[in-house]
Amino acid sequence: MKRSSARAMFMMATLLSEAFVVLFAGVVANGLQLASSRTVWISTLVLVVLAIAATGLARKPAGVWAGWLVQAVLVGISFVIPLMWVLAAAFIAIWIASLYWGAKIDRERAERAEAEAALAAE
C-alpha cells in the first residue's frame, strides 16, 4: 500500500486554506473600501481560482511552482490591497514550512520502509 506524500497533503491544505482566507479577506477589504470593489473582487477571485488550480497540481512536479506562483500573486495583490500583506507574510511562512516538513516526513517514511524491508529480508 502506497502512502500519500506528506508534502503533497501539506501543500494542498495550505493552498485550500489560503483560498478560503483570501476570499474572506476580500469580503473584509471590500467592506472597508480599501480599494475599489471591482479591484478587490477581481484580485480576490483571481487568487482564489489560482490557489484552487494549484491545489490540483500538488501531486505533480509542477505543484511546487504553482504554489510559489500563488504566493507571488498574493504579494503582487498586496500592493493594491494593503490588507493582503499580512496574509502574504503568513502564507509564505506556512508554504515554506509545508514544503520543508512535508519533504522531511516523506524522507523519514522512505527510510523507515527501507529499514523494515531490510529486516524482513533477514
PDB file of N, CA and C in Angstrom:
ATOM      1  N   MET A   1       0.838  -1.173   0.000  1.00  0.00           N
ATOM      2  CA  MET A   1       0.000   0.000   0.000  1.00  0.00           C
ATOM      3  C   MET A   1       0.894   1.252   0.000  1.00  0.00           C
ATOM      4  N   LYS A   2       0.686   2.091  -0.988  1.00  0.00           N
ATOM      5  CA  LYS A   2       1.481   3.308  -1.100  1.00  0.00           C
ATOM      6  C   LYS A   2       0.802   4.446  -0.352  1.00  0.00           C
ATOM      7  N   ARG A   3       1.573   5.101   0.485  1.00  0.00           N
ATOM      8  CA  ARG A   3       1.053   6.239   1.242  1.00  0.00           C
ATOM      9  C   ARG A   3       1.092   7.495   0.391  1.00  0.00           C
ATOM     10  N   SER A   4       0.180   8.396   0.689  1.00  0.00           N
ATOM     11  CA  SER A   4       0.203   9.698   0.032  1.00  0.00           C
ATOM     12  C   SER A   4       1.402  10.485   0.534  1.00  0.00           C
ATOM     13  N   SER A   5       1.905  11.326  -0.312  1.00  0.00           N
ATOM     14  CA  SER A   5       3.024  12.175   0.061  1.00  0.00           C
ATOM     15  C   SER A   5       2.573  13.199   1.104  1.00  0.00           C
ATOM     16  N   ALA A   6       3.316  13.278   2.187  1.00  0.00           N
ATOM     17  CA  ALA A   6       3.005  14.272   3.226  1.00  0.00           C
ATOM     18  C   ALA A   6       3.177  15.677   2.659  1.00  0.00           C
ATOM     19  N   ARG A   7       4.196  15.851   1.821  1.00  0.00           N
ATOM     20  CA  ARG A   7       4.420  17.168   1.230  1.00  0.00           C
ATOM     21  C   ARG A   7       3.235  17.587   0.380  1.00  0.00           C
ATOM     22  N   ALA A   8       2.725  16.672  -0.433  1.00  0.00           N
ATOM     23  CA  ALA A   8       1.564  16.999  -1.274  1.00  0.00           C
ATOM     24  C   ALA A   8       0.343  17.318  -0.414  1.00  0.00           C
ATOM     25  N   MET A   9       0.137  16.552   0.653  1.00  0.00           N
ATOM     26  CA  MET A   9      -1.011  16.825   1.532  1.00  0.00           C
ATOM     27  C   MET A   9      -0.876  18.185   2.216  1.00  0.00           C
ATOM     28  N   PHE A  10       0.329  18.504   2.691  1.00  0.00           N
ATOM     29  CA  PHE A  10       0.545  19.807   3.327  1.00  0.00           C
ATOM     30  C   PHE A  10       0.352  20.935   2.323  1.00  0.00           C
ATOM     31  N   MET A  11       0.855  20.736   1.097  1.00  0.00           N
ATOM     32  CA  MET A  11       0.693  21.758   0.059  1.00  0.00           C
ATOM     33  C   MET A  11      -0.786  21.995  -0.242  1.00  0.00           C
ATOM     34  N   MET A  12      -1.541  20.911  -0.386  1.00  0.00           N
ATOM     35  CA  MET A  12      -2.969  21.052  -0.689  1.00  0.00           C
ATOM     36  C   MET A  12      -3.702  21.753   0.450  1.00  0.00           C
ATOM     37  N   ALA A  13      -3.391  21.373   1.673  1.00  0.00           N
ATOM     38  CA  ALA A  13      -4.047  22.006   2.824  1.00  0.00           C
ATOM     39  C   ALA A  13      -3.723  23.497   2.882  1.00  0.00           C
ATOM     40  N   THR A  14      -2.474  23.836   2.621  1.00  0.00           N
ATOM     41  CA  THR A  14      -2.068  25.246   2.644  1.00  0.00           C
ATOM     42  C   THR A  14      -2.779  26.039   1.562  1.00  0.00           C
ATOM     43  N   LEU A  15      -2.796  25.511   0.345  1.00  0.00           N
ATOM     44  CA  LEU A  15      -3.400  26.248  -0.773  1.00  0.00           C
ATOM     45  C   LEU A  15      -4.912  26.388  -0.621  1.00  0.00           C
ATOM     46  N   LEU A  16      -5.573  25.333  -0.158  1.00  0.00           N
ATOM     47  CA  LEU A  16      -7.026  25.450   0.047  1.00  0.00           C
ATOM     48  C   LEU A  16      -7.346  26.418   1.185  1.00  0.00           C
ATOM     49  N   SER A  17      -6.571  26.356   2.247  1.00  0.00           N
ATOM     50  CA  SER A  17      -6.766  27.310   3.346  1.00  0.00           C
ATOM     51  C   SER A  17      -6.547  28.734   2.853  1.00  0.00           C
ATOM     52  N   GLU A  18      -5.532  28.894   2.049  1.00  0.00           N
ATOM     53  CA  GLU A  18      -5.229  30.214   1.502  1.00  0.00           C
ATOM     54  C   GLU A  18      -6.380  30.731   0.650  1.00  0.00           C
ATOM     55  N   ALA A  19      -6.978  29.848  -0.148  1.00  0.00           N
ATOM     56  CA  ALA A  19      -8.111  30.261  -0.988  1.00  0.00           C
ATOM     57  C   ALA A  19      -9.262  30.774  -0.125  1.00  0.00           C
ATOM     58  N   PHE A  20      -9.597  30.050   0.929  1.00  0.00           N
ATOM     59  CA  PHE A  20     -10.701  30.473   1.799  1.00  0.00           C
ATOM     60  C   PHE A  20     -10.376  31.761   2.552  1.00  0.00           C
ATOM     61  N   VAL A  21      -9.185  31.844   3.103  1.00  0.00           N
ATOM     62  CA  VAL A  21      -8.811  33.031   3.874  1.00  0.00           C
ATOM     63  C   VAL A  21      -8.777  34.265   2.978  1.00  0.00           C
ATOM     64  N   VAL A  22      -8.234  34.122   1.771  1.00  0.00           N
ATOM     65  CA  VAL A  22      -8.187  35.253   0.841  1.00  0.00           C
ATOM     66  C   VAL A  22      -9.599  35.670   0.439  1.00  0.00           C
ATOM     67  N   LEU A  23     -10.481  34.706   0.247  1.00  0.00           N
ATOM     68  CA  LEU A  23     -11.867  35.046  -0.093  1.00  0.00           C
ATOM     69  C   LEU A  23     -12.499  35.882   1.025  1.00  0.00           C
ATOM     70  N   PHE A  24     -12.331  35.453   2.260  1.00  0.00           N
ATOM     71  CA  PHE A  24     -12.895  36.209   3.380  1.00  0.00           C
ATOM     72  C   PHE A  24     -12.192  37.556   3.556  1.00  0.00           C
ATOM     73  N   ALA A  25     -10.895  37.601   3.300  1.00  0.00           N
ATOM     74  CA  ALA A  25     -10.173  38.879   3.370  1.00  0.00           C
ATOM     75  C   ALA A  25     -10.675  39.829   2.288  1.00  0.00           C
ATOM     76  N   GLY A  26     -11.049  39.274   1.143  1.00  0.00           N
ATOM     77  CA  GLY A  26     -11.626  40.099   0.082  1.00  0.00           C
ATOM     78  C   GLY A  26     -12.938  40.728   0.517  1.00  0.00           C
ATOM     79  N   VAL A  27     -13.740  39.958   1.226  1.00  0.00           N
ATOM     80  CA  VAL A  27     -15.007  40.491   1.753  1.00  0.00           C
ATOM     81  C   VAL A  27     -14.718  41.645   2.717  1.00  0.00           C
ATOM     82  N   VAL A  28     -13.733  41.450   3.593  1.00  0.00           N
ATOM     83  CA  VAL A  28     -13.363  42.499   4.552  1.00  0.00           C
ATOM     84  C   VAL A  28     -12.808  43.723   3.821  1.00  0.00           C
ATOM     85  N   ALA A  29     -11.900  43.493   2.866  1.00  0.00           N
ATOM     86  CA  ALA A  29     -11.309  44.610   2.118  1.00  0.00           C
ATOM     87  C   ALA A  29     -12.375  45.396   1.372  1.00  0.00           C
ATOM     88  N   ASN A  30     -13.355  44.694   0.837  1.00  0.00           N
ATOM     89  CA  ASN A  30     -14.448  45.372   0.140  1.00  0.00           C
ATOM     90  C   ASN A  30     -15.281  46.188   1.124  1.00  0.00           C
ATOM     91  N   GLY A  31     -15.596  45.604   2.269  1.00  0.00           N
ATOM     92  CA  GLY A  31     -16.384  46.303   3.282  1.00  0.00           C
ATOM     93  C   GLY A  31     -15.680  47.533   3.831  1.00  0.00           C
ATOM     94  N   LEU A  32     -14.364  47.443   3.967  1.00  0.00           N
ATOM     95  CA  LEU A  32     -13.586  48.578   4.477  1.00  0.00           C
ATOM     96  C   LEU A  32     -13.219  49.571   3.373  1.00  0.00           C
ATOM     97  N   GLN A  33     -13.582  49.240   2.160  1.00  0.00           N
ATOM     98  CA  GLN A  33     -13.298  50.067   0.980  1.00  0.00           C
ATOM     99  C   GLN A  33     -11.804  50.391   0.875  1.00  0.00           C
ATOM    100  N   LEU A  34     -10.980  49.355   1.001  1.00  0.00           N
ATOM    101  CA  LEU A  34      -9.534  49.527   0.899  1.00  0.00           C
ATOM    102  C   LEU A  34      -9.081  49.758  -0.535  1.00  0.00           C
ATOM    103  N   ALA A  35      -9.922  49.411  -1.474  1.00  0.00           N
ATOM    104  CA  ALA A  35      -9.702  49.658  -2.903  1.00  0.00           C
ATOM    105  C   ALA A  35     -11.087  49.627  -3.538  1.00  0.00           C
ATOM    106  N   SER A  36     -11.156  49.903  -4.825  1.00  0.00           N
ATOM    107  CA  SER A  36     -12.468  49.865  -5.479  1.00  0.00           C
ATOM    108  C   SER A  36     -13.018  48.442  -5.424  1.00  0.00           C
ATOM    109  N   SER A  37     -14.326  48.325  -5.381  1.00  0.00           N
ATOM    110  CA  SER A  37     -14.956  46.996  -5.315  1.00  0.00           C
ATOM    111  C   SER A  37     -14.501  46.116  -6.466  1.00  0.00           C
ATOM    112  N   ARG A  38     -14.435  46.697  -7.644  1.00  0.00           N
ATOM    113  CA  ARG A  38     -14.011  45.931  -8.823  1.00  0.00           C
ATOM    114  C   ARG A  38     -12.595  45.385  -8.629  1.00  0.00           C
ATOM    115  N   THR A  39     -11.691  46.215  -8.171  1.00  0.00           N
ATOM    116  CA  THR A  39     -10.307  45.792  -7.951  1.00  0.00           C
ATOM    117  C   THR A  39     -10.232  44.697  -6.896  1.00  0.00           C
ATOM    118  N   VAL A  40     -10.946  44.888  -5.810  1.00  0.00           N
ATOM    119  CA  VAL A  40     -10.934  43.897  -4.729  1.00  0.00           C
ATOM    120  C   VAL A  40     -11.438  42.557  -5.235  1.00  0.00           C
ATOM    121  N   TRP A  41     -12.575  42.546  -5.915  1.00  0.00           N
ATOM    122  CA  TRP A  41     -13.172  41.275  -6.321  1.00  0.00           C
ATOM    123  C   TRP A  41     -12.402  40.593  -7.435  1.00  0.00           C
ATOM    124  N   ILE A  42     -11.890  41.352  -8.385  1.00  0.00           N
ATOM    125  CA  ILE A  42     -11.088  40.722  -9.443  1.00  0.00           C
ATOM    126  C   ILE A  42      -9.826  40.119  -8.841  1.00  0.00           C
ATOM    127  N   SER A  43      -9.138  40.875  -7.996  1.00  0.00           N
ATOM    128  CA  SER A  43      -7.913  40.377  -7.356  1.00  0.00           C
ATOM    129  C   SER A  43      -8.195  39.142  -6.510  1.00  0.00           C
ATOM    130  N   THR A  44      -9.241  39.224  -5.724  1.00  0.00           N
ATOM    131  CA  THR A  44      -9.593  38.117  -4.833  1.00  0.00           C
ATOM    132  C   THR A  44      -9.943  36.865  -5.624  1.00  0.00           C
ATOM    133  N   LEU A  45     -10.800  37.006  -6.611  1.00  0.00           N
ATOM    134  CA  LEU A  45     -11.238  35.828  -7.367  1.00  0.00           C
ATOM    135  C   LEU A  45     -10.116  35.221  -8.195  1.00  0.00           C
ATOM    136  N   VAL A  46      -9.240  36.053  -8.747  1.00  0.00           N
ATOM    137  CA  VAL A  46      -8.088  35.517  -9.488  1.00  0.00           C
ATOM    138  C   VAL A  46      -7.228  34.671  -8.556  1.00  0.00           C
ATOM    139  N   LEU A  47      -6.964  35.188  -7.376  1.00  0.00           N
ATOM    140  CA  LEU A  47      -6.117  34.448  -6.440  1.00  0.00           C
ATOM    141  C   LEU A  47      -6.793  33.174  -5.942  1.00  0.00           C
ATOM    142  N   VAL A  48      -8.086  33.238  -5.670  1.00  0.00           N
ATOM    143  CA  VAL A  48      -8.817  32.053  -5.207  1.00  0.00           C
ATOM    144  C   VAL A  48      -8.795  30.966  -6.282  1.00  0.00           C
ATOM    145  N   VAL A  49      -9.084  31.332  -7.518  1.00  0.00           N
ATOM    146  CA  VAL A  49      -9.088  30.353  -8.614  1.00  0.00           C
ATOM    147  C   VAL A  49      -7.687  29.785  -8.818  1.00  0.00           C
ATOM    148  N   LEU A  50      -6.682  30.638  -8.766  1.00  0.00           N
ATOM    149  CA  LEU A  50      -5.302  30.186  -8.926  1.00  0.00           C
ATOM    150  C   LEU A  50      -4.898  29.223  -7.806  1.00  0.00           C
ATOM    151  N   ALA A  51      -5.284  29.523  -6.577  1.00  0.00           N
ATOM    152  CA  ALA A  51      -4.945  28.647  -5.442  1.00  0.00           C
ATOM    153  C   ALA A  51      -5.631  27.291  -5.575  1.00  0.00           C
ATOM    154  N   ILE A  52      -6.881  27.294  -6.007  1.00  0.00           N
ATOM    155  CA  ILE A  52      -7.600  26.026  -6.184  1.00  0.00           C
ATOM    156  C   ILE A  52      -6.987  25.220  -7.324  1.00  0.00           C
ATOM    157  N   ALA A  53      -6.617  25.895  -8.408  1.00  0.00           N
ATOM    158  CA  ALA A  53      -5.967  25.200  -9.528  1.00  0.00           C
ATOM    159  C   ALA A  53      -4.621  24.627  -9.094  1.00  0.00           C
ATOM    160  N   ALA A  54      -3.869  25.376  -8.318  1.00  0.00           N
ATOM    161  CA  ALA A  54      -2.569  24.898  -7.831  1.00  0.00           C
ATOM    162  C   ALA A  54      -2.738  23.697  -6.907  1.00  0.00           C
ATOM    163  N   THR A  55      -3.845  23.658  -6.181  1.00  0.00           N
ATOM    164  CA  THR A  55      -4.127  22.511  -5.318  1.00  0.00           C
ATOM    165  C   THR A  55      -4.219  21.238  -6.149  1.00  0.00           C
ATOM    166  N   GLY A  56      -4.829  21.347  -7.315  1.00  0.00           N
ATOM    167  CA  GLY A  56      -4.946  20.193  -8.204  1.00  0.00           C
ATOM    168  C   GLY A  56      -3.610  19.707  -8.731  1.00  0.00           C
ATOM    169  N   LEU A  57      -2.621  20.574  -8.747  1.00  0.00           N
ATOM    170  CA  LEU A  57      -1.291  20.201  -9.240  1.00  0.00           C
ATOM    171  C   LEU A  57      -0.344  19.740  -8.130  1.00  0.00           C
ATOM    172  N   ALA A  58      -0.805  19.738  -6.899  1.00  0.00           N
ATOM    173  CA  ALA A  58       0.082  19.483  -5.756  1.00  0.00           C
ATOM    174  C   ALA A  58       0.797  18.140  -5.824  1.00  0.00           C
ATOM    175  N   ARG A  59       0.201  17.151  -6.438  1.00  0.00           N
ATOM    176  CA  ARG A  59       0.834  15.823  -6.508  1.00  0.00           C
ATOM    177  C   ARG A  59       1.778  15.686  -7.697  1.00  0.00           C
ATOM    178  N   LYS A  60       1.845  16.716  -8.512  1.00  0.00           N
ATOM    179  CA  LYS A  60       2.709  16.694  -9.697  1.00  0.00           C
ATOM    180  C   LYS A  60       3.936  17.578  -9.450  1.00  0.00           C
ATOM    181  N   PRO A  61       5.001  17.350 -10.214  1.00  0.00           N
ATOM    182  CA  PRO A  61       6.201  18.181 -10.026  1.00  0.00           C
ATOM    183  C   PRO A  61       5.934  19.682 -10.190  1.00  0.00           C
ATOM    184  N   ALA A  62       4.992  20.044 -11.036  1.00  0.00           N
ATOM    185  CA  ALA A  62       4.675  21.463 -11.247  1.00  0.00           C
ATOM    186  C   ALA A  62       3.940  22.070 -10.057  1.00  0.00           C
ATOM    187  N   GLY A  63       3.489  21.252  -9.130  1.00  0.00           N
ATOM    188  CA  GLY A  63       2.716  21.738  -7.993  1.00  0.00           C
ATOM    189  C   GLY A  63       3.460  22.722  -7.115  1.00  0.00           C
ATOM    190  N   VAL A  64       4.734  22.462  -6.889  1.00  0.00           N
ATOM    191  CA  VAL A  64       5.527  23.370  -6.056  1.00  0.00           C
ATOM    192  C   VAL A  64       5.621  24.737  -6.727  1.00  0.00           C
ATOM    193  N   TRP A  65       5.886  24.733  -8.032  1.00  0.00           N
ATOM    194  CA  TRP A  65       5.996  26.002  -8.762  1.00  0.00           C
ATOM    195  C   TRP A  65       4.657  26.720  -8.822  1.00  0.00           C
ATOM    196  N   ALA A  66       3.582  25.979  -8.975  1.00  0.00           N
ATOM    197  CA  ALA A  66       2.249  26.598  -8.988  1.00  0.00           C
ATOM    198  C   ALA A  66       1.960  27.235  -7.631  1.00  0.00           C
ATOM    199  N   GLY A  67       2.364  26.577  -6.564  1.00  0.00           N
ATOM    200  CA  GLY A  67       2.186  27.135  -5.227  1.00  0.00           C
ATOM    201  C   GLY A  67       2.997  28.407  -5.029  1.00  0.00           C
ATOM    202  N   TRP A  68       4.230  28.408  -5.540  1.00  0.00           N
ATOM    203  CA  TRP A  68       5.040  29.627  -5.456  1.00  0.00           C
ATOM    204  C   TRP A  68       4.413  30.750  -6.275  1.00  0.00           C
ATOM    205  N   LEU A  69       3.803  30.400  -7.395  1.00  0.00           N
ATOM    206  CA  LEU A  69       3.112  31.406  -8.209  1.00  0.00           C
ATOM    207  C   LEU A  69       1.965  32.032  -7.416  1.00  0.00           C
ATOM    208  N   VAL A  70       1.222  31.212  -6.693  1.00  0.00           N
ATOM    209  CA  VAL A  70       0.132  31.726  -5.849  1.00  0.00           C
ATOM    210  C   VAL A  70       0.693  32.709  -4.824  1.00  0.00           C
ATOM    211  N   GLN A  71       1.819  32.358  -4.211  1.00  0.00           N
ATOM    212  CA  GLN A  71       2.415  33.251  -3.211  1.00  0.00           C
ATOM    213  C   GLN A  71       2.866  34.565  -3.857  1.00  0.00           C
ATOM    214  N   ALA A  72       3.440  34.475  -5.053  1.00  0.00           N
ATOM    215  CA  ALA A  72       3.889  35.686  -5.757  1.00  0.00           C
ATOM    216  C   ALA A  72       2.713  36.581  -6.127  1.00  0.00           C
ATOM    217  N   VAL A  73       1.619  35.974  -6.576  1.00  0.00           N
ATOM    218  CA  VAL A  73       0.429  36.760  -6.921  1.00  0.00           C
ATOM    219  C   VAL A  73      -0.136  37.432  -5.669  1.00  0.00           C
ATOM    220  N   LEU A  74      -0.122  36.725  -4.547  1.00  0.00           N
ATOM    221  CA  LEU A  74      -0.605  37.323  -3.299  1.00  0.00           C
ATOM    222  C   LEU A  74       0.246  38.538  -2.915  1.00  0.00           C
ATOM    223  N   VAL A  75       1.551  38.437  -3.081  1.00  0.00           N
ATOM    224  CA  VAL A  75       2.423  39.587  -2.811  1.00  0.00           C
ATOM    225  C   VAL A  75       2.088  40.724  -3.775  1.00  0.00           C
ATOM    226  N   GLY A  76       1.876  40.406  -5.045  1.00  0.00           N
ATOM    227  CA  GLY A  76       1.514  41.430  -6.021  1.00  0.00           C
ATOM    228  C   GLY A  76       0.212  42.132  -5.672  1.00  0.00           C
ATOM    229  N   ILE A  77      -0.769  41.358  -5.251  1.00  0.00           N
ATOM    230  CA  ILE A  77      -2.066  41.928  -4.866  1.00  0.00           C
ATOM    231  C   ILE A  77      -1.912  42.821  -3.634  1.00  0.00           C
ATOM    232  N   SER A  78      -0.928  42.523  -2.808  1.00  0.00           N
ATOM    233  CA  SER A  78      -0.703  43.320  -1.599  1.00  0.00           C
ATOM    234  C   SER A  78      -0.349  44.771  -1.914  1.00  0.00           C
ATOM    235  N   PHE A  79       0.194  45.020  -3.093  1.00  0.00           N
ATOM    236  CA  PHE A  79       0.498  46.398  -3.482  1.00  0.00           C
ATOM    237  C   PHE A  79      -0.778  47.187  -3.765  1.00  0.00           C
ATOM    238  N   VAL A  80      -1.844  46.467  -4.136  1.00  0.00           N
ATOM    239  CA  VAL A  80      -3.121  47.110  -4.449  1.00  0.00           C
ATOM    240  C   VAL A  80      -4.037  47.138  -3.227  1.00  0.00           C
ATOM    241  N   ILE A  81      -4.040  46.030  -2.475  1.00  0.00           N
ATOM    242  CA  ILE A  81      -4.883  45.913  -1.276  1.00  0.00           C
ATOM    243  C   ILE A  81      -3.946  45.672  -0.090  1.00  0.00           C
ATOM    244  N   PRO A  82      -3.593  46.716   0.643  1.00  0.00           N
ATOM    245  CA  PRO A  82      -2.588  46.602   1.709  1.00  0.00           C
ATOM    246  C   PRO A  82      -2.886  45.540   2.770  1.00  0.00           C
ATOM    247  N   LEU A  83      -4.149  45.245   3.016  1.00  0.00           N
ATOM    248  CA  LEU A  83      -4.527  44.223   3.989  1.00  0.00           C
ATOM    249  C   LEU A  83      -3.876  42.875   3.666  1.00  0.00           C
ATOM    250  N   MET A  84      -3.613  42.629   2.410  1.00  0.00           N
ATOM    251  CA  MET A  84      -3.089  41.331   1.986  1.00  0.00           C
ATOM    252  C   MET A  84      -1.630  41.107   2.382  1.00  0.00           C
ATOM    253  N   TRP A  85      -0.902  42.164   2.796  1.00  0.00           N
ATOM    254  CA  TRP A  85       0.484  41.970   3.233  1.00  0.00           C
ATOM    255  C   TRP A  85       0.566  41.013   4.416  1.00  0.00           C
ATOM    256  N   VAL A  86      -0.374  41.140   5.314  1.00  0.00           N
ATOM    257  CA  VAL A  86      -0.389  40.260   6.486  1.00  0.00           C
ATOM    258  C   VAL A  86      -0.581  38.814   6.037  1.00  0.00           C
ATOM    259  N   LEU A  87      -1.528  38.613   5.129  1.00  0.00           N
ATOM    260  CA  LEU A  87      -1.783  37.262   4.627  1.00  0.00           C
ATOM    261  C   LEU A  87      -0.598  36.738   3.829  1.00  0.00           C
ATOM    262  N   ALA A  88       0.012  37.607   3.036  1.00  0.00           N
ATOM    263  CA  ALA A  88       1.163  37.181   2.234  1.00  0.00           C
ATOM    264  C   ALA A  88       2.285  36.683   3.138  1.00  0.00           C
ATOM    265  N   ALA A  89       2.599  37.437   4.164  1.00  0.00           N
ATOM    266  CA  ALA A  89       3.670  37.028   5.082  1.00  0.00           C
ATOM    267  C   ALA A  89       3.329  35.704   5.764  1.00  0.00           C
ATOM    268  N   ALA A  90       2.098  35.589   6.228  1.00  0.00           N
ATOM    269  CA  ALA A  90       1.683  34.368   6.927  1.00  0.00           C
ATOM    270  C   ALA A  90       1.707  33.159   5.996  1.00  0.00           C
ATOM    271  N   PHE A  91       1.140  33.301   4.802  1.00  0.00           N
ATOM    272  CA  PHE A  91       1.052  32.143   3.923  1.00  0.00           C
ATOM    273  C   PHE A  91       2.380  31.776   3.275  1.00  0.00           C
ATOM    274  N   ILE A  92       3.261  32.732   3.088  1.00  0.00           N
ATOM    275  CA  ILE A  92       4.596  32.370   2.599  1.00  0.00           C
ATOM    276  C   ILE A  92       5.316  31.549   3.666  1.00  0.00           C
ATOM    277  N   ALA A  93       5.190  31.949   4.915  1.00  0.00           N
ATOM    278  CA  ALA A  93       5.804  31.178   6.006  1.00  0.00           C
ATOM    279  C   ALA A  93       5.197  29.776   6.091  1.00  0.00           C
ATOM    280  N   ILE A  94       3.883  29.690   5.981  1.00  0.00           N
ATOM    281  CA  ILE A  94       3.211  28.383   6.027  1.00  0.00           C
ATOM    282  C   ILE A  94       3.609  27.541   4.823  1.00  0.00           C
ATOM    283  N   TRP A  95       3.724  28.165   3.656  1.00  0.00           N
ATOM    284  CA  TRP A  95       4.109  27.449   2.433  1.00  0.00           C
ATOM    285  C   TRP A  95       5.506  26.850   2.580  1.00  0.00           C
ATOM    286  N   ILE A  96       6.438  27.651   3.066  1.00  0.00           N
ATOM    287  CA  ILE A  96       7.809  27.161   3.265  1.00  0.00           C
ATOM    288  C   ILE A  96       7.820  26.023   4.284  1.00  0.00           C
ATOM    289  N   ALA A  97       7.079  26.177   5.368  1.00  0.00           N
ATOM    290  CA  ALA A  97       7.004  25.119   6.380  1.00  0.00           C
ATOM    291  C   ALA A  97       6.387  23.849   5.799  1.00  0.00           C
ATOM    292  N   SER A  98       5.369  23.994   4.972  1.00  0.00           N
ATOM    293  CA  SER A  98       4.726  22.832   4.341  1.00  0.00           C
ATOM    294  C   SER A  98       5.712  22.070   3.472  1.00  0.00           C
ATOM    295  N   LEU A  99       6.484  22.807   2.690  1.00  0.00           N
ATOM    296  CA  LEU A  99       7.469  22.158   1.820  1.00  0.00           C
ATOM    297  C   LEU A  99       8.556  21.471   2.642  1.00  0.00           C
ATOM    298  N   TYR A 100       9.060  22.159   3.654  1.00  0.00           N
ATOM    299  CA  TYR A 100      10.140  21.613   4.470  1.00  0.00           C
ATOM    300  C   TYR A 100       9.696  20.382   5.257  1.00  0.00           C
ATOM    301  N   TRP A 101       8.637  20.538   6.048  1.00  0.00           N
ATOM    302  CA  TRP A 101       8.209  19.440   6.917  1.00  0.00           C
ATOM    303  C   TRP A 101       7.617  18.288   6.120  1.00  0.00           C
ATOM    304  N   GLY A 102       6.915  18.594   5.045  1.00  0.00           N
ATOM    305  CA  GLY A 102       6.372  17.526   4.210  1.00  0.00           C
ATOM    306  C   GLY A 102       7.475  16.674   3.601  1.00  0.00           C
ATOM    307  N   ALA A 103       8.511  17.336   3.073  1.00  0.00           N
ATOM    308  CA  ALA A 103       9.642  16.602   2.492  1.00  0.00           C
ATOM    309  C   ALA A 103      10.369  15.797   3.566  1.00  0.00           C
ATOM    310  N   LYS A 104      10.506  16.374   4.749  1.00  0.00           N
ATOM    311  CA  LYS A 104      11.181  15.668   5.845  1.00  0.00           C
ATOM    312  C   LYS A 104      10.404  14.409   6.241  1.00  0.00           C
ATOM    313  N   ILE A 105       9.100  14.524   6.358  1.00  0.00           N
ATOM    314  CA  ILE A 105       8.271  13.363   6.705  1.00  0.00           C
ATOM    315  C   ILE A 105       8.362  12.304   5.615  1.00  0.00           C
ATOM    316  N   ASP A 106       8.311  12.719   4.353  1.00  0.00           N
ATOM    317  CA  ASP A 106       8.422  11.761   3.248  1.00  0.00           C
ATOM    318  C   ASP A 106       9.764  11.035   3.274  1.00  0.00           C
ATOM    319  N   ARG A 107      10.850  11.772   3.551  1.00  0.00           N
ATOM    320  CA  ARG A 107      12.174  11.153   3.647  1.00  0.00           C
ATOM    321  C   ARG A 107      12.222  10.132   4.775  1.00  0.00           C
ATOM    322  N   GLU A 108      11.678  10.508   5.934  1.00  0.00           N
ATOM    323  CA  GLU A 108      11.694   9.601   7.084  1.00  0.00           C
ATOM    324  C   GLU A 108      10.835   8.368   6.833  1.00  0.00           C
ATOM    325  N   ARG A 109       9.718   8.540   6.147  1.00  0.00           N
ATOM    326  CA  ARG A 109       8.883   7.384   5.793  1.00  0.00           C
ATOM    327  C   ARG A 109       9.639   6.435   4.872  1.00  0.00           C
ATOM    328  N   ALA A 110      10.362   6.998   3.903  1.00  0.00           N
ATOM    329  CA  ALA A 110      11.126   6.164   2.969  1.00  0.00           C
ATOM    330  C   ALA A 110      12.237   5.416   3.705  1.00  0.00           C
ATOM    331  N   GLU A 111      12.921   6.091   4.614  1.00  0.00           N
ATOM    332  CA  GLU A 111      13.975   5.444   5.394  1.00  0.00           C
ATOM    333  C   GLU A 111      13.406   4.319   6.249  1.00  0.00           C
ATOM    334  N   ARG A 112      12.260   4.558   6.840  1.00  0.00           N
ATOM    335  CA  ARG A 112      11.631   3.534   7.682  1.00  0.00           C
ATOM    336  C   ARG A 112      11.211   2.329   6.839  1.00  0.00           C
ATOM    337  N   ALA A 113      10.622   2.583   5.677  1.00  0.00           N
ATOM    338  CA  ALA A 113      10.206   1.486   4.798  1.00  0.00           C
ATOM    339  C   ALA A 113      11.415   0.673   4.348  1.00  0.00           C
ATOM    340  N   GLU A 114      12.522   1.358   4.072  1.00  0.00           N
ATOM    341  CA  GLU A 114      13.752   0.683   3.666  1.00  0.00           C
ATOM    342  C   GLU A 114      14.285  -0.190   4.802  1.00  0.00           C
ATOM    343  N   ALA A 115      14.260   0.338   6.009  1.00  0.00           N
ATOM    344  CA  ALA A 115      14.738  -0.416   7.171  1.00  0.00           C
ATOM    345  C   ALA A 115      13.841  -1.618   7.447  1.00  0.00           C
ATOM    346  N   GLU A 116      12.525  -1.437   7.311  1.00  0.00           N
ATOM    347  CA  GLU A 116      11.596  -2.550   7.520  1.00  0.00           C
ATOM    348  C   GLU A 116      11.784  -3.627   6.458  1.00  0.00           C
ATOM    349  N   ALA A 117      12.045  -3.204   5.222  1.00  0.00           N
ATOM    350  CA  ALA A 117      12.277  -4.172   4.148  1.00  0.00           C
ATOM    351  C   ALA A 117      13.564  -4.953   4.401  1.00  0.00           C
ATOM    352  N   ALA A 118      14.594  -4.277   4.899  1.00  0.00           N
ATOM    353  CA  ALA A 118      15.860  -4.947   5.204  1.00  0.00           C
ATOM    354  C   ALA A 118      15.680  -5.950   6.339  1.00  0.00           C
ATOM    355  N   LEU A 119      14.886  -5.594   7.343  1.00  0.00           N
ATOM    356  CA  LEU A 119      14.618  -6.517   8.449  1.00  0.00           C
ATOM    357  C   LEU A 119      13.807  -7.719   7.980  1.00  0.00           C
ATOM    358  N   ALA A 120      12.858  -7.477   7.107  1.00  0.00           N
ATOM    359  CA  ALA A 120      12.019  -8.566   6.606  1.00  0.00           C
ATOM    360  C   ALA A 120      12.824  -9.527   5.742  1.00  0.00           C
ATOM    361  N   ALA A 121      13.858  -9.021   5.078  1.00  0.00           N
ATOM    362  CA  ALA A 121      14.685  -9.854   4.206  1.00  0.00           C
ATOM    363  C   ALA A 121      15.629 -10.747   5.005  1.00  0.00           C
ATOM    364  N   GLU A 122      15.876 -10.414   6.255  1.00  0.00           N
ATOM    365  CA  GLU A 122      16.804 -11.210   7.083  1.00  0.00           C
ATOM    366  C   GLU A 122      16.205 -12.490   7.543  1.00  0.00           C
TER     367      GLU A 122
END
